[in-house]
């Protein structure tokens, strides 16, 4: 399946990179900055960085559900009920 590799507009060109699973792993902005996304082997998102500066990090349980997310000074934690439904999410 073909993937979009670039877009052009008034602000310049945005370029995209993809892995074998179809996850977008890189975006190069018109000003040259790069957004990188790293995935677990399972294809679930692990972290996002801008020019190697971490923006967002994710932790997952053995069922690959998101259990925590850190964005700068904010962290959220999620818990699930026995049926796998989101039960609670706290942000601190």
PDB file of N, CA and C in Angstrom:
ATOM      1  N   UNK A   1       0.842  -1.165   0.000  1.00  0.00           N
ATOM      2  CA  UNK A   1       0.000   0.000   0.000  1.00  0.00           C
ATOM      3  C   UNK A   1       0.893   1.235   0.000  1.00  0.00           C
ATOM      4  N   UNK A   2       0.568   2.185  -0.821  1.00  0.00           N
ATOM      5  CA  UNK A   2       1.355   3.401  -0.892  1.00  0.00           C
ATOM      6  C   UNK A   2       1.107   4.314   0.299  1.00  0.00           C
ATOM      7  N   UNK A   3       2.123   4.996   0.694  1.00  0.00           N
ATOM      8  CA  UNK A   3       2.041   5.940   1.818  1.00  0.00           C
ATOM      9  C   UNK A   3       2.429   7.326   1.312  1.00  0.00           C
ATOM     10  N   UNK A   4       1.795   8.322   1.878  1.00  0.00           N
ATOM     11  CA  UNK A   4       2.118   9.695   1.547  1.00  0.00           C
ATOM     12  C   UNK A   4       3.546   9.974   2.010  1.00  0.00           C
ATOM     13  N   UNK A   5       4.401  10.418   1.121  1.00  0.00           N
ATOM     14  CA  UNK A   5       5.796  10.679   1.477  1.00  0.00           C
ATOM     15  C   UNK A   5       6.109  12.165   1.604  1.00  0.00           C
ATOM     16  N   UNK A   6       5.266  13.017   1.015  1.00  0.00           N
ATOM     17  CA  UNK A   6       5.486  14.455   1.163  1.00  0.00           C
ATOM     18  C   UNK A   6       4.229  15.223   0.775  1.00  0.00           C
ATOM     19  N   UNK A   7       4.164  16.443   1.299  1.00  0.00           N
ATOM     20  CA  UNK A   7       3.096  17.381   0.962  1.00  0.00           C
ATOM     21  C   UNK A   7       3.733  18.734   0.748  1.00  0.00           C
ATOM     22  N   UNK A   8       3.224  19.458  -0.231  1.00  0.00           N
ATOM     23  CA  UNK A   8       3.721  20.807  -0.507  1.00  0.00           C
ATOM     24  C   UNK A   8       2.614  21.816  -0.304  1.00  0.00           C
ATOM     25  N   UNK A   9       2.989  22.959   0.251  1.00  0.00           N
ATOM     26  CA  UNK A   9       2.029  24.040   0.453  1.00  0.00           C
ATOM     27  C   UNK A   9       2.739  25.364   0.491  1.00  0.00           C
ATOM     28  N   UNK A  10       2.005  26.404   0.828  1.00  0.00           N
ATOM     29  CA  UNK A  10       2.576  27.747   0.869  1.00  0.00           C
ATOM     30  C   UNK A  10       3.734  27.861   1.853  1.00  0.00           C
ATOM     31  N   UNK A  11       3.704  27.055   2.922  1.00  0.00           N
ATOM     32  CA  UNK A  11       4.742  27.119   3.955  1.00  0.00           C
ATOM     33  C   UNK A  11       5.959  26.262   3.620  1.00  0.00           C
ATOM     34  N   UNK A  12       5.877  25.454   2.561  1.00  0.00           N
ATOM     35  CA  UNK A  12       7.001  24.602   2.173  1.00  0.00           C
ATOM     36  C   UNK A  12       6.583  23.146   2.065  1.00  0.00           C
ATOM     37  N   UNK A  13       7.560  22.253   2.187  1.00  0.00           N
ATOM     38  CA  UNK A  13       7.342  20.824   2.018  1.00  0.00           C
ATOM     39  C   UNK A  13       7.438  20.117   3.367  1.00  0.00           C
ATOM     40  N   UNK A  14       6.495  19.220   3.610  1.00  0.00           N
ATOM     41  CA  UNK A  14       6.527  18.343   4.776  1.00  0.00           C
ATOM     42  C   UNK A  14       6.785  16.940   4.245  1.00  0.00           C
ATOM     43  N   UNK A  15       7.780  16.249   4.823  1.00  0.00           N
ATOM     44  CA  UNK A  15       8.139  14.898   4.374  1.00  0.00           C
ATOM     45  C   UNK A  15       7.809  13.892   5.460  1.00  0.00           C
ATOM     46  N   UNK A  16       7.408  12.679   5.046  1.00  0.00           N
ATOM     47  CA  UNK A  16       7.009  11.634   5.978  1.00  0.00           C
ATOM     48  C   UNK A  16       7.837  10.376   5.766  1.00  0.00           C
ATOM     49  N   UNK A  17       8.089   9.662   6.866  1.00  0.00           N
ATOM     50  CA  UNK A  17       8.766   8.368   6.822  1.00  0.00           C
ATOM     51  C   UNK A  17       7.871   7.348   7.510  1.00  0.00           C
ATOM     52  N   UNK A  18       7.893   6.109   7.024  1.00  0.00           N
ATOM     53  CA  UNK A  18       7.021   5.044   7.523  1.00  0.00           C
ATOM     54  C   UNK A  18       7.828   3.793   7.790  1.00  0.00           C
ATOM     55  N   UNK A  19       7.395   2.986   8.758  1.00  0.00           N
ATOM     56  CA  UNK A  19       8.046   1.698   8.979  1.00  0.00           C
ATOM     57  C   UNK A  19       7.287   0.605   8.212  1.00  0.00           C
ATOM     58  N   UNK A  20       7.774  -0.627   8.319  1.00  0.00           N
ATOM     59  CA  UNK A  20       7.183  -1.746   7.576  1.00  0.00           C
ATOM     60  C   UNK A  20       5.763  -2.067   8.020  1.00  0.00           C
ATOM     61  N   UNK A  21       5.383  -1.644   9.234  1.00  0.00           N
ATOM     62  CA  UNK A  21       4.034  -1.906   9.743  1.00  0.00           C
ATOM     63  C   UNK A  21       3.047  -0.801   9.373  1.00  0.00           C
ATOM     64  N   UNK A  22       3.539   0.228   8.684  1.00  0.00           N
ATOM     65  CA  UNK A  22       2.675   1.329   8.288  1.00  0.00           C
ATOM     66  C   UNK A  22       2.564   2.439   9.305  1.00  0.00           C
ATOM     67  N   UNK A  23       3.421   2.428  10.314  1.00  0.00           N
ATOM     68  CA  UNK A  23       3.443   3.499  11.317  1.00  0.00           C
ATOM     69  C   UNK A  23       4.292   4.655  10.805  1.00  0.00           C
ATOM     70  N   UNK A  24       3.789   5.861  10.979  1.00  0.00           N
ATOM     71  CA  UNK A  24       4.597   7.023  10.594  1.00  0.00           C
ATOM     72  C   UNK A  24       5.680   7.214  11.642  1.00  0.00           C
ATOM     73  N   UNK A  25       6.925   7.101  11.243  1.00  0.00           N
ATOM     74  CA  UNK A  25       8.054   7.179  12.167  1.00  0.00           C
ATOM     75  C   UNK A  25       8.773   8.512  12.124  1.00  0.00           C
ATOM     76  N   UNK A  26       8.563   9.279  11.088  1.00  0.00           N
ATOM     77  CA  UNK A  26       9.247  10.558  10.985  1.00  0.00           C
ATOM     78  C   UNK A  26       8.466  11.554  10.167  1.00  0.00           C
ATOM     79  N   UNK A  27       8.573  12.807  10.586  1.00  0.00           N
ATOM     80  CA  UNK A  27       7.991  13.925   9.847  1.00  0.00           C
ATOM     81  C   UNK A  27       9.030  15.030   9.849  1.00  0.00           C
ATOM     82  N   UNK A  28       9.398  15.483   8.669  1.00  0.00           N
ATOM     83  CA  UNK A  28      10.321  16.610   8.556  1.00  0.00           C
ATOM     84  C   UNK A  28       9.505  17.840   8.166  1.00  0.00           C
ATOM     85  N   UNK A  29       9.569  18.848   9.003  1.00  0.00           N
ATOM     86  CA  UNK A  29       8.802  20.075   8.800  1.00  0.00           C
ATOM     87  C   UNK A  29       9.518  20.998   7.819  1.00  0.00           C
ATOM     88  N   UNK A  30       8.810  21.951   7.245  1.00  0.00           N
ATOM     89  CA  UNK A  30       9.438  22.848   6.265  1.00  0.00           C
ATOM     90  C   UNK A  30      10.671  23.569   6.785  1.00  0.00           C
ATOM     91  N   UNK A  31      10.747  23.832   8.090  1.00  0.00           N
ATOM     92  CA  UNK A  31      11.914  24.524   8.645  1.00  0.00           C
ATOM     93  C   UNK A  31      13.056  23.572   8.990  1.00  0.00           C
ATOM     94  N   UNK A  32      12.893  22.287   8.674  1.00  0.00           N
ATOM     95  CA  UNK A  32      13.952  21.307   8.902  1.00  0.00           C
ATOM     96  C   UNK A  32      13.846  20.540  10.205  1.00  0.00           C
ATOM     97  N   UNK A  33      12.973  20.990  11.123  1.00  0.00           N
ATOM     98  CA  UNK A  33      12.809  20.241  12.375  1.00  0.00           C
ATOM     99  C   UNK A  33      12.189  18.881  12.081  1.00  0.00           C
ATOM    100  N   UNK A  34      12.508  17.885  12.945  1.00  0.00           N
ATOM    101  CA  UNK A  34      12.015  16.525  12.724  1.00  0.00           C
ATOM    102  C   UNK A  34      11.212  16.047  13.920  1.00  0.00           C
ATOM    103  N   UNK A  35      10.066  15.481  13.640  1.00  0.00           N
ATOM    104  CA  UNK A  35       9.251  14.812  14.646  1.00  0.00           C
ATOM    105  C   UNK A  35       9.456  13.317  14.425  1.00  0.00           C
ATOM    106  N   UNK A  36       9.865  12.626  15.477  1.00  0.00           N
ATOM    107  CA  UNK A  36      10.093  11.182  15.372  1.00  0.00           C
ATOM    108  C   UNK A  36       9.174  10.438  16.321  1.00  0.00           C
ATOM    109  N   UNK A  37       8.636   9.349  15.849  1.00  0.00           N
ATOM    110  CA  UNK A  37       7.790   8.484  16.657  1.00  0.00           C
ATOM    111  C   UNK A  37       8.440   7.114  16.711  1.00  0.00           C
ATOM    112  N   UNK A  38       8.564   6.585  17.933  1.00  0.00           N
ATOM    113  CA  UNK A  38       9.160   5.269  18.139  1.00  0.00           C
ATOM    114  C   UNK A  38       8.068   4.315  18.610  1.00  0.00           C
ATOM    115  N   UNK A  39       8.060   3.122  18.028  1.00  0.00           N
ATOM    116  CA  UNK A  39       7.030   2.137  18.320  1.00  0.00           C
ATOM    117  C   UNK A  39       7.642   0.875  18.905  1.00  0.00           C
ATOM    118  N   UNK A  40       6.872   0.204  19.766  1.00  0.00           N
ATOM    119  CA  UNK A  40       7.244  -1.137  20.212  1.00  0.00           C
ATOM    120  C   UNK A  40       7.181  -2.059  18.996  1.00  0.00           C
ATOM    121  N   UNK A  41       7.762  -3.251  19.095  1.00  0.00           N
ATOM    122  CA  UNK A  41       7.676  -4.229  18.017  1.00  0.00           C
ATOM    123  C   UNK A  41       6.246  -4.601  17.688  1.00  0.00           C
ATOM    124  N   UNK A  42       5.357  -4.443  18.656  1.00  0.00           N
ATOM    125  CA  UNK A  42       3.942  -4.747  18.458  1.00  0.00           C
ATOM    126  C   UNK A  42       3.231  -3.670  17.635  1.00  0.00           C
ATOM    127  N   UNK A  43       3.914  -2.555  17.387  1.00  0.00           N
ATOM    128  CA  UNK A  43       3.318  -1.478  16.617  1.00  0.00           C
ATOM    129  C   UNK A  43       2.653  -0.410  17.460  1.00  0.00           C
ATOM    130  N   UNK A  44       2.747  -0.505  18.779  1.00  0.00           N
ATOM    131  CA  UNK A  44       2.152   0.490  19.671  1.00  0.00           C
ATOM    132  C   UNK A  44       3.148   1.611  19.952  1.00  0.00           C
ATOM    133  N   UNK A  45       2.640   2.816  20.005  1.00  0.00           N
ATOM    134  CA  UNK A  45       3.477   4.002  20.167  1.00  0.00           C
ATOM    135  C   UNK A  45       4.174   4.018  21.523  1.00  0.00           C
ATOM    136  N   UNK A  46       5.485   4.260  21.514  1.00  0.00           N
ATOM    137  CA  UNK A  46       6.306   4.326  22.727  1.00  0.00           C
ATOM    138  C   UNK A  46       6.632   5.777  23.099  1.00  0.00           C
ATOM    139  N   UNK A  47       7.103   6.570  22.126  1.00  0.00           N
ATOM    140  CA  UNK A  47       7.385   7.976  22.415  1.00  0.00           C
ATOM    141  C   UNK A  47       7.401   8.824  21.155  1.00  0.00           C
ATOM    142  N   UNK A  48       7.306  10.128  21.371  1.00  0.00           N
ATOM    143  CA  UNK A  48       7.346  11.125  20.301  1.00  0.00           C
ATOM    144  C   UNK A  48       8.379  12.167  20.704  1.00  0.00           C
ATOM    145  N   UNK A  49       9.223  12.557  19.761  1.00  0.00           N
ATOM    146  CA  UNK A  49      10.269  13.544  20.038  1.00  0.00           C
ATOM    147  C   UNK A  49      10.331  14.561  18.898  1.00  0.00           C
ATOM    148  N   UNK A  50      10.700  15.779  19.241  1.00  0.00           N
ATOM    149  CA  UNK A  50      10.946  16.834  18.268  1.00  0.00           C
ATOM    150  C   UNK A  50      12.428  17.147  18.324  1.00  0.00           C
ATOM    151  N   UNK A  51      13.125  16.902  17.230  1.00  0.00           N
ATOM    152  CA  UNK A  51      14.580  17.103  17.187  1.00  0.00           C
ATOM    153  C   UNK A  51      15.268  16.443  18.384  1.00  0.00           C
ATOM    154  N   UNK A  52      14.915  15.221  18.662  1.00  0.00           N
ATOM    155  CA  UNK A  52      15.476  14.398  19.743  1.00  0.00           C
ATOM    156  C   UNK A  52      15.152  14.919  21.147  1.00  0.00           C
ATOM    157  N   UNK A  53      14.264  15.891  21.259  1.00  0.00           N
ATOM    158  CA  UNK A  53      13.777  16.372  22.554  1.00  0.00           C
ATOM    159  C   UNK A  53      12.458  15.651  22.826  1.00  0.00           C
ATOM    160  N   UNK A  54      12.396  14.838  23.886  1.00  0.00           N
ATOM    161  CA  UNK A  54      11.162  14.079  24.144  1.00  0.00           C
ATOM    162  C   UNK A  54       9.959  15.000  24.353  1.00  0.00           C
ATOM    163  N   UNK A  55       8.867  14.680  23.663  1.00  0.00           N
ATOM    164  CA  UNK A  55       7.616  15.412  23.835  1.00  0.00           C
ATOM    165  C   UNK A  55       6.617  14.596  24.645  1.00  0.00           C
ATOM    166  N   UNK A  56       6.463  13.320  24.272  1.00  0.00           N
ATOM    167  CA  UNK A  56       5.480  12.451  24.911  1.00  0.00           C
ATOM    168  C   UNK A  56       6.042  11.048  25.016  1.00  0.00           C
ATOM    169  N   UNK A  57       5.852  10.428  26.186  1.00  0.00           N
ATOM    170  CA  UNK A  57       6.248   9.036  26.392  1.00  0.00           C
ATOM    171  C   UNK A  57       5.061   8.237  26.892  1.00  0.00           C
ATOM    172  N   UNK A  58       4.969   6.990  26.460  1.00  0.00           N
ATOM    173  CA  UNK A  58       3.861   6.118  26.816  1.00  0.00           C
ATOM    174  C   UNK A  58       4.382   4.865  27.502  1.00  0.00           C
ATOM    175  N   UNK A  59       3.628   4.365  28.483  1.00  0.00           N
ATOM    176  CA  UNK A  59       3.893   3.063  29.083  1.00  0.00           C
ATOM    177  C   UNK A  59       2.648   2.219  28.864  1.00  0.00           C
ATOM    178  N   UNK A  60       2.872   0.927  28.646  1.00  0.00           N
ATOM    179  CA  UNK A  60       1.747   0.031  28.357  1.00  0.00           C
ATOM    180  C   UNK A  60       1.845  -1.216  29.227  1.00  0.00           C
ATOM    181  N   UNK A  61       0.707  -1.839  29.447  1.00  0.00           N
ATOM    182  CA  UNK A  61       0.690  -3.094  30.196  1.00  0.00           C
ATOM    183  C   UNK A  61       0.893  -4.263  29.226  1.00  0.00           C
ATOM    184  N   UNK A  62       0.812  -5.486  29.727  1.00  0.00           N
ATOM    185  CA  UNK A  62       1.065  -6.665  28.886  1.00  0.00           C
ATOM    186  C   UNK A  62       0.010  -6.854  27.800  1.00  0.00           C
ATOM    187  N   UNK A  63      -1.125  -6.180  27.934  1.00  0.00           N
ATOM    188  CA  UNK A  63      -2.169  -6.229  26.899  1.00  0.00           C
ATOM    189  C   UNK A  63      -2.072  -5.036  25.946  1.00  0.00           C
ATOM    190  N   UNK A  64      -0.975  -4.268  26.065  1.00  0.00           N
ATOM    191  CA  UNK A  64      -0.670  -3.115  25.206  1.00  0.00           C
ATOM    192  C   UNK A  64      -1.608  -1.934  25.428  1.00  0.00           C
ATOM    193  N   UNK A  65      -2.304  -1.917  26.562  1.00  0.00           N
ATOM    194  CA  UNK A  65      -3.140  -0.772  26.884  1.00  0.00           C
ATOM    195  C   UNK A  65      -2.272   0.316  27.491  1.00  0.00           C
ATOM    196  N   UNK A  66      -2.577   1.553  27.168  1.00  0.00           N
ATOM    197  CA  UNK A  66      -1.819   2.668  27.720  1.00  0.00           C
ATOM    198  C   UNK A  66      -2.116   2.779  29.212  1.00  0.00           C
ATOM    199  N   UNK A  67      -1.061   2.726  30.038  1.00  0.00           N
ATOM    200  CA  UNK A  67      -1.233   2.876  31.485  1.00  0.00           C
ATOM    201  C   UNK A  67      -0.665   4.187  31.997  1.00  0.00           C
ATOM    202  N   UNK A  68       0.235   4.803  31.238  1.00  0.00           N
ATOM    203  CA  UNK A  68       0.699   6.140  31.607  1.00  0.00           C
ATOM    204  C   UNK A  68       1.176   6.874  30.369  1.00  0.00           C
ATOM    205  N   UNK A  69       1.091   8.201  30.478  1.00  0.00           N
ATOM    206  CA  UNK A  69       1.538   9.085  29.401  1.00  0.00           C
ATOM    207  C   UNK A  69       2.160  10.307  30.069  1.00  0.00           C
ATOM    208  N   UNK A  70       3.345  10.683  29.604  1.00  0.00           N
ATOM    209  CA  UNK A  70       4.015  11.868  30.131  1.00  0.00           C
ATOM    210  C   UNK A  70       4.205  12.854  28.996  1.00  0.00           C
ATOM    211  N   UNK A  71       3.758  14.094  29.240  1.00  0.00           N
ATOM    212  CA  UNK A  71       3.934  15.187  28.286  1.00  0.00           C
ATOM    213  C   UNK A  71       4.455  16.375  29.075  1.00  0.00           C
ATOM    214  N   UNK A  72       5.746  16.617  28.969  1.00  0.00           N
ATOM    215  CA  UNK A  72       6.346  17.699  29.740  1.00  0.00           C
ATOM    216  C   UNK A  72       6.196  17.424  31.221  1.00  0.00           C
ATOM    217  N   UNK A  73       5.594  18.354  31.943  1.00  0.00           N
ATOM    218  CA  UNK A  73       5.427  18.214  33.394  1.00  0.00           C
ATOM    219  C   UNK A  73       4.164  17.439  33.759  1.00  0.00           C
ATOM    220  N   UNK A  74       3.334  17.105  32.775  1.00  0.00           N
ATOM    221  CA  UNK A  74       2.081  16.396  33.050  1.00  0.00           C
ATOM    222  C   UNK A  74       2.235  14.897  32.852  1.00  0.00           C
ATOM    223  N   UNK A  75       1.624  14.138  33.751  1.00  0.00           N
ATOM    224  CA  UNK A  75       1.584  12.683  33.630  1.00  0.00           C
ATOM    225  C   UNK A  75       0.152  12.230  33.843  1.00  0.00           C
ATOM    226  N   UNK A  76      -0.298  11.318  33.020  1.00  0.00           N
ATOM    227  CA  UNK A  76      -1.609  10.712  33.246  1.00  0.00           C
ATOM    228  C   UNK A  76      -1.408   9.222  33.477  1.00  0.00           C
ATOM    229  N   UNK A  77      -2.231   8.665  34.339  1.00  0.00           N
ATOM    230  CA  UNK A  77      -2.211   7.229  34.616  1.00  0.00           C
ATOM    231  C   UNK A  77      -3.614   6.696  34.417  1.00  0.00           C
ATOM    232  N   UNK A  78      -3.692   5.544  33.753  1.00  0.00           N
ATOM    233  CA  UNK A  78      -4.982   4.934  33.441  1.00  0.00           C
ATOM    234  C   UNK A  78      -5.068   3.558  34.070  1.00  0.00           C
ATOM    235  N   UNK A  79      -6.271   3.207  34.501  1.00  0.00           N
ATOM    236  CA  UNK A  79      -6.519   1.850  34.995  1.00  0.00           C
ATOM    237  C   UNK A  79      -7.766   1.315  34.307  1.00  0.00           C
ATOM    238  N   UNK A  80      -7.862  -0.001  34.264  1.00  0.00           N
ATOM    239  CA  UNK A  80      -8.903  -0.678  33.505  1.00  0.00           C
ATOM    240  C   UNK A  80      -9.645  -1.662  34.402  1.00  0.00           C
ATOM    241  N   UNK A  81     -10.908  -1.895  34.080  1.00  0.00           N
ATOM    242  CA  UNK A  81     -11.670  -2.878  34.852  1.00  0.00           C
ATOM    243  C   UNK A  81     -11.395  -4.286  34.328  1.00  0.00           C
ATOM    244  N   UNK A  82     -12.042  -5.284  34.917  1.00  0.00           N
ATOM    245  CA  UNK A  82     -11.793  -6.686  34.541  1.00  0.00           C
ATOM    246  C   UNK A  82     -12.161  -6.991  33.098  1.00  0.00           C
ATOM    247  N   UNK A  83     -13.034  -6.172  32.499  1.00  0.00           N
ATOM    248  CA  UNK A  83     -13.439  -6.378  31.111  1.00  0.00           C
ATOM    249  C   UNK A  83     -12.561  -5.596  30.127  1.00  0.00           C
ATOM    250  N   UNK A  84     -11.541  -4.908  30.662  1.00  0.00           N
ATOM    251  CA  UNK A  84     -10.617  -4.176  29.812  1.00  0.00           C
ATOM    252  C   UNK A  84     -11.063  -2.771  29.455  1.00  0.00           C
ATOM    253  N   UNK A  85     -12.127  -2.310  30.082  1.00  0.00           N
ATOM    254  CA  UNK A  85     -12.618  -0.961  29.815  1.00  0.00           C
ATOM    255  C   UNK A  85     -11.874   0.047  30.693  1.00  0.00           C
ATOM    256  N   UNK A  86     -11.678   1.230  30.144  1.00  0.00           N
ATOM    257  CA  UNK A  86     -11.040   2.294  30.924  1.00  0.00           C
ATOM    258  C   UNK A  86     -11.885   2.558  32.160  1.00  0.00           C
ATOM    259  N   UNK A  87     -11.264   2.449  33.319  1.00  0.00           N
ATOM    260  CA  UNK A  87     -11.965   2.622  34.590  1.00  0.00           C
ATOM    261  C   UNK A  87     -11.678   4.005  35.182  1.00  0.00           C
ATOM    262  N   UNK A  88     -10.429   4.422  35.107  1.00  0.00           N
ATOM    263  CA  UNK A  88     -10.046   5.689  35.720  1.00  0.00           C
ATOM    264  C   UNK A  88      -8.824   6.241  35.011  1.00  0.00           C
ATOM    265  N   UNK A  89      -8.787   7.571  34.890  1.00  0.00           N
ATOM    266  CA  UNK A  89      -7.601   8.252  34.360  1.00  0.00           C
ATOM    267  C   UNK A  89      -7.348   9.468  35.231  1.00  0.00           C
ATOM    268  N   UNK A  90      -6.161   9.518  35.810  1.00  0.00           N
ATOM    269  CA  UNK A  90      -5.755  10.636  36.657  1.00  0.00           C
ATOM    270  C   UNK A  90      -4.656  11.406  35.950  1.00  0.00           C
ATOM    271  N   UNK A  91      -4.713  12.721  36.049  1.00  0.00           N
ATOM    272  CA  UNK A  91      -3.686  13.594  35.477  1.00  0.00           C
ATOM    273  C   UNK A  91      -3.092  14.401  36.614  1.00  0.00           C
ATOM    274  N   UNK A  92      -1.761  14.410  36.669  1.00  0.00           N
ATOM    275  CA  UNK A  92      -1.091  15.181  37.716  1.00  0.00           C
ATOM    276  C   UNK A  92       0.216  15.730  37.195  1.00  0.00           C
TER     277      UNK A  92
END
